[in-house]
N, C-alpha and C. Protein backbone atom coordinates (compact mmCIF):
# COMPACT_ATOMS: atom_id res chain seq x y z
N MET A 1 16.93 -10.52 -3.41
CA MET A 1 16.62 -9.94 -2.10
C MET A 1 15.42 -10.59 -1.36
N CYS A 2 15.30 -11.02 -0.21
CA CYS A 2 14.17 -11.57 0.55
C CYS A 2 13.97 -10.50 1.50
N ILE A 3 12.55 -10.04 1.47
CA ILE A 3 12.15 -8.96 2.57
C ILE A 3 11.17 -9.85 3.33
N ARG A 4 11.38 -9.57 4.67
CA ARG A 4 10.55 -10.30 5.46
C ARG A 4 10.44 -9.55 6.72
N GLN A 5 9.31 -9.94 7.48
CA GLN A 5 8.88 -9.00 8.79
C GLN A 5 10.03 -9.10 9.63
N ALA A 6 10.36 -8.09 10.47
CA ALA A 6 11.36 -7.98 11.43
C ALA A 6 10.98 -8.91 12.44
N MET A 7 11.91 -9.66 13.22
CA MET A 7 11.63 -10.58 14.33
C MET A 7 12.33 -9.76 15.66
N ASP A 8 11.91 -10.13 16.80
CA ASP A 8 12.64 -9.82 17.91
C ASP A 8 14.08 -9.95 17.90
N SER A 9 14.63 -11.02 17.37
CA SER A 9 16.02 -11.21 17.31
C SER A 9 16.84 -10.29 16.29
N ASP A 10 16.07 -9.59 15.60
CA ASP A 10 16.69 -8.55 14.79
C ASP A 10 16.90 -7.35 15.37
N PHE A 11 16.41 -7.10 16.51
CA PHE A 11 16.41 -5.61 17.21
C PHE A 11 17.77 -5.02 17.42
N ASP A 12 18.92 -5.82 17.73
CA ASP A 12 20.17 -5.29 18.04
C ASP A 12 20.74 -4.79 16.55
N GLN A 13 20.32 -5.31 15.54
CA GLN A 13 20.74 -4.88 14.27
C GLN A 13 19.99 -3.75 13.65
N ILE A 14 18.88 -3.64 13.95
CA ILE A 14 17.91 -2.66 13.32
C ILE A 14 17.95 -1.34 14.24
N TRP A 15 18.06 -1.35 15.55
CA TRP A 15 18.15 -0.21 16.36
C TRP A 15 19.07 0.83 16.21
N PRO A 16 20.42 0.40 15.87
CA PRO A 16 21.48 1.59 15.62
C PRO A 16 21.04 2.23 14.31
N ILE A 17 20.61 1.83 13.36
CA ILE A 17 19.93 2.42 12.08
C ILE A 17 18.82 3.33 12.49
N PHE A 18 17.70 2.73 13.08
CA PHE A 18 16.60 3.49 13.40
C PHE A 18 16.83 4.68 14.26
N ASN A 19 17.70 4.52 15.30
CA ASN A 19 18.14 5.52 16.11
C ASN A 19 18.62 6.71 15.51
N ASP A 20 19.72 6.37 14.58
CA ASP A 20 20.46 7.52 13.82
C ASP A 20 19.60 8.31 13.03
N VAL A 21 18.70 7.61 12.55
CA VAL A 21 17.60 8.39 11.57
C VAL A 21 16.64 9.10 12.31
N VAL A 22 16.33 8.68 13.39
CA VAL A 22 15.23 9.40 14.25
C VAL A 22 15.83 10.54 15.17
N SER A 23 17.20 10.26 15.53
CA SER A 23 17.97 11.32 16.42
C SER A 23 18.27 12.39 15.51
N ALA A 24 18.50 12.31 14.21
CA ALA A 24 18.85 13.53 13.41
C ALA A 24 17.79 14.59 13.26
N GLY A 25 16.56 14.07 13.61
CA GLY A 25 15.52 15.08 13.69
C GLY A 25 14.79 15.79 12.52
N ASP A 26 15.30 15.11 11.44
CA ASP A 26 14.83 15.61 10.13
C ASP A 26 14.16 14.61 9.38
N THR A 27 13.56 13.59 9.98
CA THR A 27 12.72 12.68 9.50
C THR A 27 11.55 12.62 10.34
N TYR A 28 10.34 12.63 9.60
CA TYR A 28 9.10 12.69 10.23
C TYR A 28 8.07 11.50 9.68
N GLY A 29 7.46 10.81 10.44
CA GLY A 29 6.35 9.82 9.94
C GLY A 29 5.15 10.42 9.58
N TYR A 30 4.87 11.73 9.85
CA TYR A 30 3.66 12.49 9.62
C TYR A 30 3.96 13.87 8.84
N ARG A 31 3.25 14.36 8.32
CA ARG A 31 3.37 15.64 7.93
C ARG A 31 3.37 16.65 8.99
N THR A 32 4.21 17.50 8.88
CA THR A 32 4.35 18.50 10.13
C THR A 32 3.94 19.90 9.47
């Protein structure tokens, strides 16, 4: 597995995953 920094060209593939996680409303970046 090669882990690299996301590029602007990756947006269309990353956005649906990120959007689903955030929209669920049960994931927080900071302690609440």
